[in-house]
Amino acid sequence: MLTITKDNFEQEVLKSDKKVLVDFWASWCGPCRMLSPIIDEIAKETDKVKVGKVNVDEESDLATQFAVMSIPTLILFENGKPIKQIVGVQSKTAILNMIE
């Protein structure tokens, strides 16, 4: 699992040669803790997409830049641009469908 910060965001997300699924989360967020094991599973099981997490408490600038108002928020990036976004706890199937 990749921890994404403002320092590595450009390299890991914007310049990535594959799609990147970014999980915006916080340690105090119950739904985020529910979603975390699903995100971890997807990261281990698929090589179609790079998976990373942004802690919104530590990286509030990134959360603001992508208008993250509620967490958890998942944003899928392709070629450096956000192409899909879903908010709230999602099933593994829904997330895999988002990636396809």
PDB file of N, CA and C in Angstrom:
ATOM      1  N   MET A   1       0.854  -1.183   0.000  1.00  0.00           N
ATOM      2  CA  MET A   1       0.000   0.000   0.000  1.00  0.00           C
ATOM      3  C   MET A   1       0.893   1.237   0.000  1.00  0.00           C
ATOM      4  N   LEU A   2       0.573   2.144  -0.855  1.00  0.00           N
ATOM      5  CA  LEU A   2       1.351   3.351  -1.057  1.00  0.00           C
ATOM      6  C   LEU A   2       0.743   4.496  -0.254  1.00  0.00           C
ATOM      7  N   THR A   3       1.557   5.164   0.556  1.00  0.00           N
ATOM      8  CA  THR A   3       1.104   6.363   1.250  1.00  0.00           C
ATOM      9  C   THR A   3       1.409   7.550   0.355  1.00  0.00           C
ATOM     10  N   ILE A   4       0.371   8.282   0.017  1.00  0.00           N
ATOM     11  CA  ILE A   4       0.539   9.413  -0.894  1.00  0.00           C
ATOM     12  C   ILE A   4       0.524  10.713  -0.099  1.00  0.00           C
ATOM     13  N   THR A   5       1.519  11.542  -0.378  1.00  0.00           N
ATOM     14  CA  THR A   5       1.656  12.849   0.264  1.00  0.00           C
ATOM     15  C   THR A   5       1.792  13.907  -0.830  1.00  0.00           C
ATOM     16  N   LYS A   6       1.759  15.166  -0.414  1.00  0.00           N
ATOM     17  CA  LYS A   6       1.938  16.215  -1.419  1.00  0.00           C
ATOM     18  C   LYS A   6       3.321  16.122  -2.061  1.00  0.00           C
ATOM     19  N   ASP A   7       4.284  15.559  -1.339  1.00  0.00           N
ATOM     20  CA  ASP A   7       5.652  15.448  -1.853  1.00  0.00           C
ATOM     21  C   ASP A   7       5.793  14.380  -2.944  1.00  0.00           C
ATOM     22  N   ASN A   8       5.014  13.297  -2.881  1.00  0.00           N
ATOM     23  CA  ASN A   8       5.152  12.247  -3.897  1.00  0.00           C
ATOM     24  C   ASN A   8       3.943  12.149  -4.821  1.00  0.00           C
ATOM     25  N   PHE A   9       2.950  13.023  -4.643  1.00  0.00           N
ATOM     26  CA  PHE A   9       1.712  12.943  -5.419  1.00  0.00           C
ATOM     27  C   PHE A   9       1.966  13.036  -6.921  1.00  0.00           C
ATOM     28  N   GLU A  10       2.774  13.999  -7.325  1.00  0.00           N
ATOM     29  CA  GLU A  10       3.025  14.181  -8.755  1.00  0.00           C
ATOM     30  C   GLU A  10       3.660  12.930  -9.355  1.00  0.00           C
ATOM     31  N   GLN A  11       4.679  12.403  -8.699  1.00  0.00           N
ATOM     32  CA  GLN A  11       5.386  11.233  -9.220  1.00  0.00           C
ATOM     33  C   GLN A  11       4.513   9.974  -9.207  1.00  0.00           C
ATOM     34  N   GLU A  12       3.844   9.721  -8.084  1.00  0.00           N
ATOM     35  CA  GLU A  12       3.098   8.470  -7.905  1.00  0.00           C
ATOM     36  C   GLU A  12       1.736   8.457  -8.597  1.00  0.00           C
ATOM     37  N   VAL A  13       1.109   9.620  -8.725  1.00  0.00           N
ATOM     38  CA  VAL A  13      -0.249   9.671  -9.276  1.00  0.00           C
ATOM     39  C   VAL A  13      -0.273  10.339 -10.653  1.00  0.00           C
ATOM     40  N   LEU A  14       0.172  11.575 -10.717  1.00  0.00           N
ATOM     41  CA  LEU A  14       0.050  12.336 -11.961  1.00  0.00           C
ATOM     42  C   LEU A  14       0.914  11.782 -13.078  1.00  0.00           C
ATOM     43  N   LYS A  15       2.083  11.252 -12.735  1.00  0.00           N
ATOM     44  CA  LYS A  15       2.998  10.741 -13.763  1.00  0.00           C
ATOM     45  C   LYS A  15       2.979   9.219 -13.870  1.00  0.00           C
ATOM     46  N   SER A  16       2.039   8.575 -13.214  1.00  0.00           N
ATOM     47  CA  SER A  16       1.963   7.115 -13.248  1.00  0.00           C
ATOM     48  C   SER A  16       1.593   6.628 -14.645  1.00  0.00           C
ATOM     49  N   ASP A  17       2.200   5.511 -15.054  1.00  0.00           N
ATOM     50  CA  ASP A  17       1.879   4.951 -16.367  1.00  0.00           C
ATOM     51  C   ASP A  17       0.677   4.011 -16.310  1.00  0.00           C
ATOM     52  N   LYS A  18       0.109   3.814 -15.120  1.00  0.00           N
ATOM     53  CA  LYS A  18      -1.120   3.032 -15.007  1.00  0.00           C
ATOM     54  C   LYS A  18      -2.125   3.821 -14.187  1.00  0.00           C
ATOM     55  N   LYS A  19      -3.372   3.341 -14.182  1.00  0.00           N
ATOM     56  CA  LYS A  19      -4.399   3.994 -13.379  1.00  0.00           C
ATOM     57  C   LYS A  19      -3.996   3.949 -11.905  1.00  0.00           C
ATOM     58  N   VAL A  20      -4.435   4.960 -11.160  1.00  0.00           N
ATOM     59  CA  VAL A  20      -4.140   5.026  -9.726  1.00  0.00           C
ATOM     60  C   VAL A  20      -5.457   5.240  -8.974  1.00  0.00           C
ATOM     61  N   LEU A  21      -5.734   4.342  -8.032  1.00  0.00           N
ATOM     62  CA  LEU A  21      -6.893   4.477  -7.154  1.00  0.00           C
ATOM     63  C   LEU A  21      -6.411   5.093  -5.852  1.00  0.00           C
ATOM     64  N   VAL A  22      -6.951   6.267  -5.526  1.00  0.00           N
ATOM     65  CA  VAL A  22      -6.528   6.980  -4.322  1.00  0.00           C
ATOM     66  C   VAL A  22      -7.677   6.995  -3.321  1.00  0.00           C
ATOM     67  N   ASP A  23      -7.369   6.510  -2.121  1.00  0.00           N
ATOM     68  CA  ASP A  23      -8.330   6.459  -1.009  1.00  0.00           C
ATOM     69  C   ASP A  23      -8.040   7.628  -0.080  1.00  0.00           C
ATOM     70  N   PHE A  24      -8.960   8.599  -0.017  1.00  0.00           N
ATOM     71  CA  PHE A  24      -8.845   9.716   0.925  1.00  0.00           C
ATOM     72  C   PHE A  24      -9.537   9.282   2.212  1.00  0.00           C
ATOM     73  N   TRP A  25      -8.794   9.265   3.323  1.00  0.00           N
ATOM     74  CA  TRP A  25      -9.289   8.684   4.570  1.00  0.00           C
ATOM     75  C   TRP A  25      -8.735   9.455   5.772  1.00  0.00           C
ATOM     76  N   ALA A  26      -9.192   9.077   6.971  1.00  0.00           N
ATOM     77  CA  ALA A  26      -8.641   9.589   8.234  1.00  0.00           C
ATOM     78  C   ALA A  26      -8.749   8.484   9.284  1.00  0.00           C
ATOM     79  N   SER A  27      -7.826   8.501  10.227  1.00  0.00           N
ATOM     80  CA  SER A  27      -7.775   7.433  11.240  1.00  0.00           C
ATOM     81  C   SER A  27      -9.000   7.426  12.156  1.00  0.00           C
ATOM     82  N   TRP A  28      -9.640   8.582  12.354  1.00  0.00           N
ATOM     83  CA  TRP A  28     -10.791   8.682  13.247  1.00  0.00           C
ATOM     84  C   TRP A  28     -12.112   8.321  12.554  1.00  0.00           C
ATOM     85  N   CYS A  29     -12.067   8.051  11.255  1.00  0.00           N
ATOM     86  CA  CYS A  29     -13.268   7.848  10.445  1.00  0.00           C
ATOM     87  C   CYS A  29     -13.677   6.376  10.447  1.00  0.00           C
ATOM     88  N   GLY A  30     -14.814   6.060  11.059  1.00  0.00           N
ATOM     89  CA  GLY A  30     -15.303   4.682  11.129  1.00  0.00           C
ATOM     90  C   GLY A  30     -15.512   4.041   9.768  1.00  0.00           C
ATOM     91  N   PRO A  31     -16.243   4.717   8.858  1.00  0.00           N
ATOM     92  CA  PRO A  31     -16.420   4.136   7.519  1.00  0.00           C
ATOM     93  C   PRO A  31     -15.087   3.907   6.792  1.00  0.00           C
ATOM     94  N   CYS A  32     -14.111   4.780   7.031  1.00  0.00           N
ATOM     95  CA  CYS A  32     -12.785   4.602   6.414  1.00  0.00           C
ATOM     96  C   CYS A  32     -12.149   3.304   6.901  1.00  0.00           C
ATOM     97  N   ARG A  33     -12.300   3.033   8.202  1.00  0.00           N
ATOM     98  CA  ARG A  33     -11.739   1.790   8.758  1.00  0.00           C
ATOM     99  C   ARG A  33     -12.460   0.563   8.206  1.00  0.00           C
ATOM    100  N   MET A  34     -13.746   0.712   7.898  1.00  0.00           N
ATOM    101  CA  MET A  34     -14.492  -0.398   7.290  1.00  0.00           C
ATOM    102  C   MET A  34     -14.015  -0.652   5.862  1.00  0.00           C
ATOM    103  N   LEU A  35     -13.698   0.411   5.142  1.00  0.00           N
ATOM    104  CA  LEU A  35     -13.293   0.307   3.741  1.00  0.00           C
ATOM    105  C   LEU A  35     -11.840  -0.149   3.593  1.00  0.00           C
ATOM    106  N   SER A  36     -11.016   0.156   4.556  1.00  0.00           N
ATOM    107  CA  SER A  36      -9.569  -0.090   4.447  1.00  0.00           C
ATOM    108  C   SER A  36      -9.193  -1.528   4.079  1.00  0.00           C
ATOM    109  N   PRO A  37      -9.769  -2.563   4.720  1.00  0.00           N
ATOM    110  CA  PRO A  37      -9.397  -3.933   4.347  1.00  0.00           C
ATOM    111  C   PRO A  37      -9.761  -4.278   2.899  1.00  0.00           C
ATOM    112  N   ILE A  38     -10.845  -3.687   2.385  1.00  0.00           N
ATOM    113  CA  ILE A  38     -11.251  -3.923   1.004  1.00  0.00           C
ATOM    114  C   ILE A  38     -10.218  -3.310   0.056  1.00  0.00           C
ATOM    115  N   ILE A  39      -9.792  -2.094   0.372  1.00  0.00           N
ATOM    116  CA  ILE A  39      -8.778  -1.418  -0.447  1.00  0.00           C
ATOM    117  C   ILE A  39      -7.463  -2.212  -0.413  1.00  0.00           C
ATOM    118  N   ASP A  40      -7.099  -2.702   0.770  1.00  0.00           N
ATOM    119  CA  ASP A  40      -5.870  -3.501   0.902  1.00  0.00           C
ATOM    120  C   ASP A  40      -5.949  -4.767   0.042  1.00  0.00           C
ATOM    121  N   GLU A  41      -7.106  -5.423   0.044  1.00  0.00           N
ATOM    122  CA  GLU A  41      -7.302  -6.635  -0.779  1.00  0.00           C
ATOM    123  C   GLU A  41      -7.126  -6.328  -2.255  1.00  0.00           C
ATOM    124  N   ILE A  42      -7.747  -5.239  -2.695  1.00  0.00           N
ATOM    125  CA  ILE A  42      -7.665  -4.856  -4.110  1.00  0.00           C
ATOM    126  C   ILE A  42      -6.213  -4.565  -4.482  1.00  0.00           C
ATOM    127  N   ALA A  43      -5.499  -3.896  -3.600  1.00  0.00           N
ATOM    128  CA  ALA A  43      -4.092  -3.569  -3.866  1.00  0.00           C
ATOM    129  C   ALA A  43      -3.261  -4.838  -4.052  1.00  0.00           C
ATOM    130  N   LYS A  44      -3.568  -5.866  -3.266  1.00  0.00           N
ATOM    131  CA  LYS A  44      -2.809  -7.123  -3.350  1.00  0.00           C
ATOM    132  C   LYS A  44      -3.212  -7.958  -4.563  1.00  0.00           C
ATOM    133  N   GLU A  45      -4.483  -7.886  -4.945  1.00  0.00           N
ATOM    134  CA  GLU A  45      -5.029  -8.807  -5.943  1.00  0.00           C
ATOM    135  C   GLU A  45      -4.947  -8.335  -7.388  1.00  0.00           C
ATOM    136  N   THR A  46      -4.811  -7.041  -7.614  1.00  0.00           N
ATOM    137  CA  THR A  46      -4.818  -6.566  -8.999  1.00  0.00           C
ATOM    138  C   THR A  46      -3.562  -5.768  -9.311  1.00  0.00           C
ATOM    139  N   ASP A  47      -3.062  -5.954 -10.518  1.00  0.00           N
ATOM    140  CA  ASP A  47      -1.947  -5.126 -10.958  1.00  0.00           C
ATOM    141  C   ASP A  47      -2.385  -4.180 -12.073  1.00  0.00           C
ATOM    142  N   LYS A  48      -3.713  -4.110 -12.293  1.00  0.00           N
ATOM    143  CA  LYS A  48      -4.266  -3.194 -13.296  1.00  0.00           C
ATOM    144  C   LYS A  48      -4.165  -1.744 -12.832  1.00  0.00           C
ATOM    145  N   VAL A  49      -4.074  -1.576 -11.524  1.00  0.00           N
ATOM    146  CA  VAL A  49      -4.144  -0.241 -10.946  1.00  0.00           C
ATOM    147  C   VAL A  49      -3.177  -0.150  -9.770  1.00  0.00           C
ATOM    148  N   LYS A  50      -2.588   1.017  -9.609  1.00  0.00           N
ATOM    149  CA  LYS A  50      -1.770   1.295  -8.430  1.00  0.00           C
ATOM    150  C   LYS A  50      -2.728   1.833  -7.369  1.00  0.00           C
ATOM    151  N   VAL A  51      -2.547   1.436  -6.114  1.00  0.00           N
ATOM    152  CA  VAL A  51      -3.455   1.855  -5.045  1.00  0.00           C
ATOM    153  C   VAL A  51      -2.683   2.632  -3.989  1.00  0.00           C
ATOM    154  N   GLY A  52      -3.216   3.770  -3.624  1.00  0.00           N
ATOM    155  CA  GLY A  52      -2.569   4.590  -2.600  1.00  0.00           C
ATOM    156  C   GLY A  52      -3.591   5.219  -1.677  1.00  0.00           C
ATOM    157  N   LYS A  53      -3.095   5.698  -0.537  1.00  0.00           N
ATOM    158  CA  LYS A  53      -3.973   6.315   0.459  1.00  0.00           C
ATOM    159  C   LYS A  53      -3.449   7.702   0.820  1.00  0.00           C
ATOM    160  N   VAL A  54      -4.390   8.623   0.977  1.00  0.00           N
ATOM    161  CA  VAL A  54      -4.080   9.977   1.414  1.00  0.00           C
ATOM    162  C   VAL A  54      -4.787  10.203   2.750  1.00  0.00           C
ATOM    163  N   ASN A  55      -4.011  10.447   3.784  1.00  0.00           N
ATOM    164  CA  ASN A  55      -4.571  10.788   5.090  1.00  0.00           C
ATOM    165  C   ASN A  55      -4.961  12.270   5.045  1.00  0.00           C
ATOM    166  N   VAL A  56      -6.258  12.559   5.078  1.00  0.00           N
ATOM    167  CA  VAL A  56      -6.717  13.939   4.895  1.00  0.00           C
ATOM    168  C   VAL A  56      -6.313  14.860   6.049  1.00  0.00           C
ATOM    169  N   ASP A  57      -6.057  14.299   7.218  1.00  0.00           N
ATOM    170  CA  ASP A  57      -5.600  15.126   8.332  1.00  0.00           C
ATOM    171  C   ASP A  57      -4.175  15.618   8.100  1.00  0.00           C
ATOM    172  N   GLU A  58      -3.360  14.774   7.478  1.00  0.00           N
ATOM    173  CA  GLU A  58      -1.964  15.132   7.237  1.00  0.00           C
ATOM    174  C   GLU A  58      -1.764  15.833   5.895  1.00  0.00           C
ATOM    175  N   GLU A  59      -2.665  15.596   4.963  1.00  0.00           N
ATOM    176  CA  GLU A  59      -2.527  16.132   3.599  1.00  0.00           C
ATOM    177  C   GLU A  59      -3.789  16.899   3.199  1.00  0.00           C
ATOM    178  N   SER A  60      -4.140  17.891   3.999  1.00  0.00           N
ATOM    179  CA  SER A  60      -5.382  18.632   3.749  1.00  0.00           C
ATOM    180  C   SER A  60      -5.345  19.388   2.417  1.00  0.00           C
ATOM    181  N   ASP A  61      -4.160  19.777   1.965  1.00  0.00           N
ATOM    182  CA  ASP A  61      -4.058  20.488   0.677  1.00  0.00           C
ATOM    183  C   ASP A  61      -4.524  19.596  -0.476  1.00  0.00           C
ATOM    184  N   LEU A  62      -4.143  18.315  -0.430  1.00  0.00           N
ATOM    185  CA  LEU A  62      -4.578  17.386  -1.486  1.00  0.00           C
ATOM    186  C   LEU A  62      -6.086  17.180  -1.429  1.00  0.00           C
ATOM    187  N   ALA A  63      -6.616  17.040  -0.225  1.00  0.00           N
ATOM    188  CA  ALA A  63      -8.061  16.868  -0.074  1.00  0.00           C
ATOM    189  C   ALA A  63      -8.800  18.090  -0.635  1.00  0.00           C
ATOM    190  N   THR A  64      -8.292  19.268  -0.357  1.00  0.00           N
ATOM    191  CA  THR A  64      -8.900  20.502  -0.859  1.00  0.00           C
ATOM    192  C   THR A  64      -8.777  20.589  -2.375  1.00  0.00           C
ATOM    193  N   GLN A  65      -7.614  20.234  -2.901  1.00  0.00           N
ATOM    194  CA  GLN A  65      -7.369  20.309  -4.340  1.00  0.00           C
ATOM    195  C   GLN A  65      -8.376  19.477  -5.130  1.00  0.00           C
ATOM    196  N   PHE A  66      -8.784  18.336  -4.568  1.00  0.00           N
ATOM    197  CA  PHE A  66      -9.714  17.451  -5.272  1.00  0.00           C
ATOM    198  C   PHE A  66     -11.125  17.510  -4.688  1.00  0.00           C
ATOM    199  N   ALA A  67     -11.406  18.577  -3.945  1.00  0.00           N
ATOM    200  CA  ALA A  67     -12.749  18.862  -3.411  1.00  0.00           C
ATOM    201  C   ALA A  67     -13.321  17.683  -2.629  1.00  0.00           C
ATOM    202  N   VAL A  68     -12.478  17.044  -1.816  1.00  0.00           N
ATOM    203  CA  VAL A  68     -12.939  15.939  -0.977  1.00  0.00           C
ATOM    204  C   VAL A  68     -13.665  16.534   0.229  1.00  0.00           C
ATOM    205  N   MET A  69     -14.989  16.374   0.242  1.00  0.00           N
ATOM    206  CA  MET A  69     -15.820  16.942   1.298  1.00  0.00           C
ATOM    207  C   MET A  69     -16.216  15.900   2.337  1.00  0.00           C
ATOM    208  N   SER A  70     -16.306  14.648   1.920  1.00  0.00           N
ATOM    209  CA  SER A  70     -16.679  13.545   2.806  1.00  0.00           C
ATOM    210  C   SER A  70     -15.665  12.428   2.624  1.00  0.00           C
ATOM    211  N   ILE A  71     -15.438  11.708   3.695  1.00  0.00           N
ATOM    212  CA  ILE A  71     -14.539  10.557   3.595  1.00  0.00           C
ATOM    213  C   ILE A  71     -15.272   9.327   4.099  1.00  0.00           C
ATOM    214  N   PRO A  72     -14.915   8.154   3.589  1.00  0.00           N
ATOM    215  CA  PRO A  72     -13.890   7.920   2.574  1.00  0.00           C
ATOM    216  C   PRO A  72     -14.354   8.357   1.179  1.00  0.00           C
ATOM    217  N   THR A  73     -13.402   8.870   0.415  1.00  0.00           N
ATOM    218  CA  THR A  73     -13.622   9.179  -0.989  1.00  0.00           C
ATOM    219  C   THR A  73     -12.562   8.440  -1.788  1.00  0.00           C
ATOM    220  N   LEU A  74     -12.997   7.760  -2.823  1.00  0.00           N
ATOM    221  CA  LEU A  74     -12.075   7.082  -3.735  1.00  0.00           C
ATOM    222  C   LEU A  74     -12.078   7.840  -5.049  1.00  0.00           C
ATOM    223  N   ILE A  75     -10.881   8.184  -5.533  1.00  0.00           N
ATOM    224  CA  ILE A  75     -10.751   8.850  -6.827  1.00  0.00           C
ATOM    225  C   ILE A  75      -9.819   8.008  -7.692  1.00  0.00           C
ATOM    226  N   LEU A  76     -10.279   7.724  -8.900  1.00  0.00           N
ATOM    227  CA  LEU A  76      -9.479   6.976  -9.861  1.00  0.00           C
ATOM    228  C   LEU A  76      -8.865   7.963 -10.841  1.00  0.00           C
ATOM    229  N   PHE A  77      -7.531   7.914 -10.943  1.00  0.00           N
ATOM    230  CA  PHE A  77      -6.796   8.792 -11.849  1.00  0.00           C
ATOM    231  C   PHE A  77      -6.282   7.987 -13.031  1.00  0.00           C
ATOM    232  N   GLU A  78      -6.321   8.618 -14.202  1.00  0.00           N
ATOM    233  CA  GLU A  78      -5.735   8.020 -15.398  1.00  0.00           C
ATOM    234  C   GLU A  78      -5.070   9.144 -16.185  1.00  0.00           C
ATOM    235  N   ASN A  79      -3.828   8.909 -16.582  1.00  0.00           N
ATOM    236  CA  ASN A  79      -3.059   9.928 -17.308  1.00  0.00           C
ATOM    237  C   ASN A  79      -3.024  11.255 -16.553  1.00  0.00           C
ATOM    238  N   GLY A  80      -2.921  11.170 -15.226  1.00  0.00           N
ATOM    239  CA  GLY A  80      -2.789  12.369 -14.402  1.00  0.00           C
ATOM    240  C   GLY A  80      -4.072  13.122 -14.126  1.00  0.00           C
ATOM    241  N   LYS A  81      -5.212  12.571 -14.558  1.00  0.00           N
ATOM    242  CA  LYS A  81      -6.478  13.266 -14.345  1.00  0.00           C
ATOM    243  C   LYS A  81      -7.471  12.377 -13.599  1.00  0.00           C
ATOM    244  N   PRO A  82      -8.253  12.985 -12.698  1.00  0.00           N
ATOM    245  CA  PRO A  82      -9.300  12.203 -12.029  1.00  0.00           C
ATOM    246  C   PRO A  82     -10.398  11.858 -13.033  1.00  0.00           C
ATOM    247  N   ILE A  83     -10.713  10.565 -13.148  1.00  0.00           N
ATOM    248  CA  ILE A  83     -11.721  10.153 -14.135  1.00  0.00           C
ATOM    249  C   ILE A  83     -12.993   9.619 -13.483  1.00  0.00           C
ATOM    250  N   LYS A  84     -12.891   9.118 -12.262  1.00  0.00           N
ATOM    251  CA  LYS A  84     -14.076   8.615 -11.553  1.00  0.00           C
ATOM    252  C   LYS A  84     -13.896   8.879 -10.064  1.00  0.00           C
ATOM    253  N   GLN A  85     -15.027   9.058  -9.381  1.00  0.00           N
ATOM    254  CA  GLN A  85     -14.984   9.300  -7.943  1.00  0.00           C
ATOM    255  C   GLN A  85     -16.213   8.692  -7.290  1.00  0.00           C
ATOM    256  N   ILE A  86     -15.998   8.015  -6.160  1.00  0.00           N
ATOM    257  CA  ILE A  86     -17.124   7.530  -5.366  1.00  0.00           C
ATOM    258  C   ILE A  86     -16.874   7.865  -3.900  1.00  0.00           C
ATOM    259  N   VAL A  87     -17.959   8.130  -3.186  1.00  0.00           N
ATOM    260  CA  VAL A  87     -17.881   8.547  -1.789  1.00  0.00           C
ATOM    261  C   VAL A  87     -18.598   7.527  -0.927  1.00  0.00           C
ATOM    262  N   GLY A  88     -17.999   7.230   0.223  1.00  0.00           N
ATOM    263  CA  GLY A  88     -18.626   6.327   1.175  1.00  0.00           C
ATOM    264  C   GLY A  88     -18.102   4.906   1.041  1.00  0.00           C
ATOM    265  N   VAL A  89     -18.526   4.063   1.964  1.00  0.00           N
ATOM    266  CA  VAL A  89     -18.107   2.667   1.951  1.00  0.00           C
ATOM    267  C   VAL A  89     -18.728   1.984   0.740  1.00  0.00           C
ATOM    268  N   GLN A  90     -17.905   1.266  -0.006  1.00  0.00           N
ATOM    269  CA  GLN A  90     -18.345   0.585  -1.214  1.00  0.00           C
ATOM    270  C   GLN A  90     -17.996  -0.891  -1.102  1.00  0.00           C
ATOM    271  N   SER A  91     -18.714  -1.704  -1.844  1.00  0.00           N
ATOM    272  CA  SER A  91     -18.378  -3.123  -1.901  1.00  0.00           C
ATOM    273  C   SER A  91     -17.131  -3.290  -2.774  1.00  0.00           C
ATOM    274  N   LYS A  92     -16.465  -4.410  -2.567  1.00  0.00           N
ATOM    275  CA  LYS A  92     -15.303  -4.721  -3.393  1.00  0.00           C
ATOM    276  C   LYS A  92     -15.702  -4.752  -4.865  1.00  0.00           C
ATOM    277  N   THR A  93     -16.851  -5.333  -5.169  1.00  0.00           N
ATOM    278  CA  THR A  93     -17.343  -5.415  -6.542  1.00  0.00           C
ATOM    279  C   THR A  93     -17.522  -4.020  -7.147  1.00  0.00           C
ATOM    280  N   ALA A  94     -18.098  -3.107  -6.377  1.00  0.00           N
ATOM    281  CA  ALA A  94     -18.336  -1.744  -6.881  1.00  0.00           C
ATOM    282  C   ALA A  94     -16.999  -1.052  -7.190  1.00  0.00           C
ATOM    283  N   ILE A  95     -16.011  -1.267  -6.331  1.00  0.00           N
ATOM    284  CA  ILE A  95     -14.698  -0.652  -6.549  1.00  0.00           C
ATOM    285  C   ILE A  95     -14.007  -1.265  -7.761  1.00  0.00           C
ATOM    286  N   LEU A  96     -14.093  -2.585  -7.890  1.00  0.00           N
ATOM    287  CA  LEU A  96     -13.494  -3.248  -9.059  1.00  0.00           C
ATOM    288  C   LEU A  96     -14.176  -2.796 -10.347  1.00  0.00           C
ATOM    289  N   ASN A  97     -15.493  -2.596 -10.311  1.00  0.00           N
ATOM    290  CA  ASN A  97     -16.217  -2.082 -11.470  1.00  0.00           C
ATOM    291  C   ASN A  97     -15.765  -0.666 -11.819  1.00  0.00           C
ATOM    292  N   MET A  98     -15.480   0.120 -10.798  1.00  0.00           N
ATOM    293  CA  MET A  98     -14.984   1.492 -11.016  1.00  0.00           C
ATOM    294  C   MET A  98     -13.641   1.468 -11.734  1.00  0.00           C
ATOM    295  N   ILE A  99     -12.803   0.511 -11.373  1.00  0.00           N
ATOM    296  CA  ILE A  99     -11.450   0.407 -11.932  1.00  0.00           C
ATOM    297  C   ILE A  99     -11.489  -0.027 -13.396  1.00  0.00           C
ATOM    298  N   GLU A 100     -12.447  -0.874 -13.744  1.00  0.00           N
ATOM    299  CA  GLU A 100     -12.496  -1.431 -15.114  1.00  0.00           C
ATOM    300  C   GLU A 100     -12.681  -0.372 -16.163  1.00  0.00           C
TER     301      GLU A 100
END
